[in-house]
Amino acid sequence: MTQSNHPSKFVVRAYLARRAHALKPPPTPEEIRRQLGWELLMTQVKDGAGSAS
């Protein structure tokens, strides 16, 4: 199984489509990472779960 360290292009495209119709200002980078599920991946990398050693 291949582990990705970023969301798929389909998830990002869907997010951008939703944001294009939003009337609010863009969210913070942290909020974008949370919405795309990136914060979980970043935590795993920081904890060493993504290392091959």
PDB file of N, CA and C in Angstrom:
ATOM      1  N   MET A   1       0.845  -1.182   0.000  1.00  0.00           N
ATOM      2  CA  MET A   1       0.000   0.000   0.000  1.00  0.00           C
ATOM      3  C   MET A   1       0.887   1.240   0.000  1.00  0.00           C
ATOM      4  N   THR A   2       0.583   2.174  -0.865  1.00  0.00           N
ATOM      5  CA  THR A   2       1.352   3.405  -0.972  1.00  0.00           C
ATOM      6  C   THR A   2       0.817   4.438   0.004  1.00  0.00           C
ATOM      7  N   GLN A   3       1.733   5.022   0.779  1.00  0.00           N
ATOM      8  CA  GLN A   3       1.324   6.064   1.722  1.00  0.00           C
ATOM      9  C   GLN A   3       1.639   7.421   1.113  1.00  0.00           C
ATOM     10  N   SER A   4       0.646   8.270   1.076  1.00  0.00           N
ATOM     11  CA  SER A   4       0.798   9.609   0.510  1.00  0.00           C
ATOM     12  C   SER A   4       1.058  10.605   1.627  1.00  0.00           C
ATOM     13  N   ASN A   5       1.867  11.621   1.332  1.00  0.00           N
ATOM     14  CA  ASN A   5       2.107  12.642   2.343  1.00  0.00           C
ATOM     15  C   ASN A   5       1.347  13.930   2.037  1.00  0.00           C
ATOM     16  N   HIS A   6       0.389  13.849   1.097  1.00  0.00           N
ATOM     17  CA  HIS A   6      -0.466  14.998   0.802  1.00  0.00           C
ATOM     18  C   HIS A   6      -1.788  14.497   0.250  1.00  0.00           C
ATOM     19  N   PRO A   7      -2.828  15.325   0.298  1.00  0.00           N
ATOM     20  CA  PRO A   7      -4.138  14.896  -0.206  1.00  0.00           C
ATOM     21  C   PRO A   7      -4.089  14.638  -1.710  1.00  0.00           C
ATOM     22  N   SER A   8      -4.979  13.794  -2.187  1.00  0.00           N
ATOM     23  CA  SER A   8      -5.027  13.517  -3.621  1.00  0.00           C
ATOM     24  C   SER A   8      -5.503  14.749  -4.385  1.00  0.00           C
ATOM     25  N   LYS A   9      -5.224  14.764  -5.671  1.00  0.00           N
ATOM     26  CA  LYS A   9      -5.628  15.916  -6.484  1.00  0.00           C
ATOM     27  C   LYS A   9      -7.141  16.048  -6.532  1.00  0.00           C
ATOM     28  N   PHE A  10      -7.863  14.952  -6.386  1.00  0.00           N
ATOM     29  CA  PHE A  10      -9.323  15.003  -6.409  1.00  0.00           C
ATOM     30  C   PHE A  10      -9.871  15.693  -5.165  1.00  0.00           C
ATOM     31  N   VAL A  11      -9.251  15.425  -4.021  1.00  0.00           N
ATOM     32  CA  VAL A  11      -9.665  16.079  -2.771  1.00  0.00           C
ATOM     33  C   VAL A  11      -9.377  17.573  -2.846  1.00  0.00           C
ATOM     34  N   VAL A  12      -8.210  17.930  -3.373  1.00  0.00           N
ATOM     35  CA  VAL A  12      -7.835  19.338  -3.482  1.00  0.00           C
ATOM     36  C   VAL A  12      -8.752  20.062  -4.463  1.00  0.00           C
ATOM     37  N   ARG A  13      -9.060  19.437  -5.589  1.00  0.00           N
ATOM     38  CA  ARG A  13      -9.953  20.067  -6.573  1.00  0.00           C
ATOM     39  C   ARG A  13     -11.345  20.286  -5.994  1.00  0.00           C
ATOM     40  N   ALA A  14     -11.846  19.309  -5.243  1.00  0.00           N
ATOM     41  CA  ALA A  14     -13.162  19.459  -4.624  1.00  0.00           C
ATOM     42  C   ALA A  14     -13.133  20.595  -3.603  1.00  0.00           C
ATOM     43  N   TYR A  15     -12.057  20.681  -2.833  1.00  0.00           N
ATOM     44  CA  TYR A  15     -11.917  21.761  -1.856  1.00  0.00           C
ATOM     45  C   TYR A  15     -11.905  23.118  -2.556  1.00  0.00           C
ATOM     46  N   LEU A  16     -11.123  23.228  -3.617  1.00  0.00           N
ATOM     47  CA  LEU A  16     -11.041  24.498  -4.338  1.00  0.00           C
ATOM     48  C   LEU A  16     -12.375  24.874  -4.979  1.00  0.00           C
ATOM     49  N   ALA A  17     -13.122  23.891  -5.452  1.00  0.00           N
ATOM     50  CA  ALA A  17     -14.442  24.168  -6.030  1.00  0.00           C
ATOM     51  C   ALA A  17     -15.378  24.727  -4.954  1.00  0.00           C
ATOM     52  N   ARG A  18     -15.337  24.136  -3.750  1.00  0.00           N
ATOM     53  CA  ARG A  18     -16.174  24.652  -2.646  1.00  0.00           C
ATOM     54  C   ARG A  18     -15.747  26.067  -2.266  1.00  0.00           C
ATOM     55  N   ARG A  19     -14.437  26.311  -2.212  1.00  0.00           N
ATOM     56  CA  ARG A  19     -13.927  27.628  -1.819  1.00  0.00           C
ATOM     57  C   ARG A  19     -14.267  28.690  -2.856  1.00  0.00           C
ATOM     58  N   ALA A  20     -14.349  28.322  -4.118  1.00  0.00           N
ATOM     59  CA  ALA A  20     -14.624  29.294  -5.177  1.00  0.00           C
ATOM     60  C   ALA A  20     -16.005  29.928  -5.003  1.00  0.00           C
ATOM     61  N   HIS A  21     -16.926  29.207  -4.368  1.00  0.00           N
ATOM     62  CA  HIS A  21     -18.291  29.702  -4.195  1.00  0.00           C
ATOM     63  C   HIS A  21     -18.532  30.285  -2.801  1.00  0.00           C
ATOM     64  N   ALA A  22     -17.515  30.252  -1.950  1.00  0.00           N
ATOM     65  CA  ALA A  22     -17.669  30.770  -0.585  1.00  0.00           C
ATOM     66  C   ALA A  22     -17.594  32.290  -0.581  1.00  0.00           C
ATOM     67  N   LEU A  23     -18.362  32.903   0.273  1.00  0.00           N
ATOM     68  CA  LEU A  23     -18.379  34.355   0.377  1.00  0.00           C
ATOM     69  C   LEU A  23     -17.415  34.865   1.452  1.00  0.00           C
ATOM     70  N   LYS A  24     -16.933  33.968   2.287  1.00  0.00           N
ATOM     71  CA  LYS A  24     -16.026  34.357   3.363  1.00  0.00           C
ATOM     72  C   LYS A  24     -14.594  34.462   2.834  1.00  0.00           C
ATOM     73  N   PRO A  25     -13.728  35.174   3.564  1.00  0.00           N
ATOM     74  CA  PRO A  25     -12.311  35.223   3.170  1.00  0.00           C
ATOM     75  C   PRO A  25     -11.676  33.838   3.315  1.00  0.00           C
ATOM     76  N   PRO A  26     -10.560  33.611   2.654  1.00  0.00           N
ATOM     77  CA  PRO A  26      -9.921  32.296   2.730  1.00  0.00           C
ATOM     78  C   PRO A  26      -9.509  31.953   4.166  1.00  0.00           C
ATOM     79  N   PRO A  27      -9.559  30.685   4.517  1.00  0.00           N
ATOM     80  CA  PRO A  27      -9.160  30.278   5.861  1.00  0.00           C
ATOM     81  C   PRO A  27      -7.637  30.330   6.021  1.00  0.00           C
ATOM     82  N   THR A  28      -7.197  30.163   7.246  1.00  0.00           N
ATOM     83  CA  THR A  28      -5.762  30.137   7.531  1.00  0.00           C
ATOM     84  C   THR A  28      -5.153  28.854   6.964  1.00  0.00           C
ATOM     85  N   PRO A  29      -3.845  28.832   6.743  1.00  0.00           N
ATOM     86  CA  PRO A  29      -3.209  27.597   6.262  1.00  0.00           C
ATOM     87  C   PRO A  29      -3.460  26.398   7.184  1.00  0.00           C
ATOM     88  N   GLU A  30      -3.496  26.637   8.491  1.00  0.00           N
ATOM     89  CA  GLU A  30      -3.758  25.555   9.435  1.00  0.00           C
ATOM     90  C   GLU A  30      -5.155  24.977   9.222  1.00  0.00           C
ATOM     91  N   GLU A  31      -6.134  25.842   8.978  1.00  0.00           N
ATOM     92  CA  GLU A  31      -7.507  25.387   8.748  1.00  0.00           C
ATOM     93  C   GLU A  31      -7.601  24.621   7.431  1.00  0.00           C
ATOM     94  N   ILE A  32      -6.898  25.070   6.410  1.00  0.00           N
ATOM     95  CA  ILE A  32      -6.894  24.355   5.135  1.00  0.00           C
ATOM     96  C   ILE A  32      -6.311  22.960   5.327  1.00  0.00           C
ATOM     97  N   ARG A  33      -5.203  22.863   6.048  1.00  0.00           N
ATOM     98  CA  ARG A  33      -4.601  21.548   6.317  1.00  0.00           C
ATOM     99  C   ARG A  33      -5.575  20.643   7.062  1.00  0.00           C
ATOM    100  N   ARG A  34      -6.307  21.216   8.035  1.00  0.00           N
ATOM    101  CA  ARG A  34      -7.260  20.422   8.813  1.00  0.00           C
ATOM    102  C   ARG A  34      -8.383  19.913   7.914  1.00  0.00           C
ATOM    103  N   GLN A  35      -8.914  20.793   7.052  1.00  0.00           N
ATOM    104  CA  GLN A  35     -10.021  20.410   6.180  1.00  0.00           C
ATOM    105  C   GLN A  35      -9.622  19.334   5.181  1.00  0.00           C
ATOM    106  N   LEU A  36      -8.375  19.352   4.741  1.00  0.00           N
ATOM    107  CA  LEU A  36      -7.907  18.364   3.768  1.00  0.00           C
ATOM    108  C   LEU A  36      -7.343  17.107   4.435  1.00  0.00           C
ATOM    109  N   GLY A  37      -7.300  17.100   5.776  1.00  0.00           N
ATOM    110  CA  GLY A  37      -6.773  15.944   6.486  1.00  0.00           C
ATOM    111  C   GLY A  37      -5.258  15.890   6.478  1.00  0.00           C
ATOM    112  N   TRP A  38      -4.628  17.002   6.157  1.00  0.00           N
ATOM    113  CA  TRP A  38      -3.181  17.055   6.075  1.00  0.00           C
ATOM    114  C   TRP A  38      -2.528  17.075   7.444  1.00  0.00           C
ATOM    115  N   GLU A  39      -3.209  17.603   8.455  1.00  0.00           N
ATOM    116  CA  GLU A  39      -2.593  17.716   9.767  1.00  0.00           C
ATOM    117  C   GLU A  39      -2.285  16.345  10.348  1.00  0.00           C
ATOM    118  N   LEU A  40      -3.107  15.350  10.050  1.00  0.00           N
ATOM    119  CA  LEU A  40      -2.854  14.003  10.541  1.00  0.00           C
ATOM    120  C   LEU A  40      -1.590  13.430   9.905  1.00  0.00           C
ATOM    121  N   LEU A  41      -1.415  13.671   8.627  1.00  0.00           N
ATOM    122  CA  LEU A  41      -0.226  13.181   7.939  1.00  0.00           C
ATOM    123  C   LEU A  41       1.021  13.893   8.437  1.00  0.00           C
ATOM    124  N   MET A  42       0.925  15.186   8.662  1.00  0.00           N
ATOM    125  CA  MET A  42       2.072  15.948   9.145  1.00  0.00           C
ATOM    126  C   MET A  42       2.474  15.473  10.544  1.00  0.00           C
ATOM    127  N   THR A  43       1.507  15.120  11.392  1.00  0.00           N
ATOM    128  CA  THR A  43       1.783  14.627  12.731  1.00  0.00           C
ATOM    129  C   THR A  43       2.509  13.301  12.655  1.00  0.00           C
ATOM    130  N   GLN A  44       2.077  12.414  11.742  1.00  0.00           N
ATOM    131  CA  GLN A  44       2.726  11.111  11.599  1.00  0.00           C
ATOM    132  C   GLN A  44       4.176  11.267  11.155  1.00  0.00           C
ATOM    133  N   VAL A  45       4.433  12.186  10.262  1.00  0.00           N
ATOM    134  CA  VAL A  45       5.790  12.415   9.780  1.00  0.00           C
ATOM    135  C   VAL A  45       6.662  12.963  10.915  1.00  0.00           C
ATOM    136  N   LYS A  46       6.127  13.897  11.689  1.00  0.00           N
ATOM    137  CA  LYS A  46       6.878  14.479  12.799  1.00  0.00           C
ATOM    138  C   LYS A  46       7.187  13.428  13.871  1.00  0.00           C
ATOM    139  N   ASP A  47       6.272  12.487  14.092  1.00  0.00           N
ATOM    140  CA  ASP A  47       6.448  11.443  15.093  1.00  0.00           C
ATOM    141  C   ASP A  47       7.381  10.346  14.622  1.00  0.00           C
ATOM    142  N   GLY A  48       7.736  10.364  13.343  1.00  0.00           N
ATOM    143  CA  GLY A  48       8.625   9.351  12.810  1.00  0.00           C
ATOM    144  C   GLY A  48       7.901   8.152  12.227  1.00  0.00           C
ATOM    145  N   ALA A  49       6.589   8.208  12.137  1.00  0.00           N
ATOM    146  CA  ALA A  49       5.815   7.078  11.586  1.00  0.00           C
ATOM    147  C   ALA A  49       6.079   6.901  10.117  1.00  0.00           C
ATOM    148  N   GLY A  50       6.545   7.926   9.437  1.00  0.00           N
ATOM    149  CA  GLY A  50       6.787   7.846   8.017  1.00  0.00           C
ATOM    150  C   GLY A  50       8.204   7.444   7.662  1.00  0.00           C
ATOM    151  N   SER A  51       9.038   7.193   8.664  1.00  0.00           N
ATOM    152  CA  SER A  51      10.430   6.854   8.375  1.00  0.00           C
ATOM    153  C   SER A  51      10.578   5.369   8.078  1.00  0.00           C
ATOM    154  N   ALA A  52      11.562   5.046   7.260  1.00  0.00           N
ATOM    155  CA  ALA A  52      11.780   3.668   6.839  1.00  0.00           C
ATOM    156  C   ALA A  52      12.777   2.941   7.729  1.00  0.00           C
ATOM    157  N   SER A  53      13.325   3.582   8.731  1.00  0.00           N
ATOM    158  CA  SER A  53      14.343   2.940   9.563  1.00  0.00           C
ATOM    159  C   SER A  53      13.769   2.139  10.680  1.00  0.00           C
TER     160      SER A  53
END
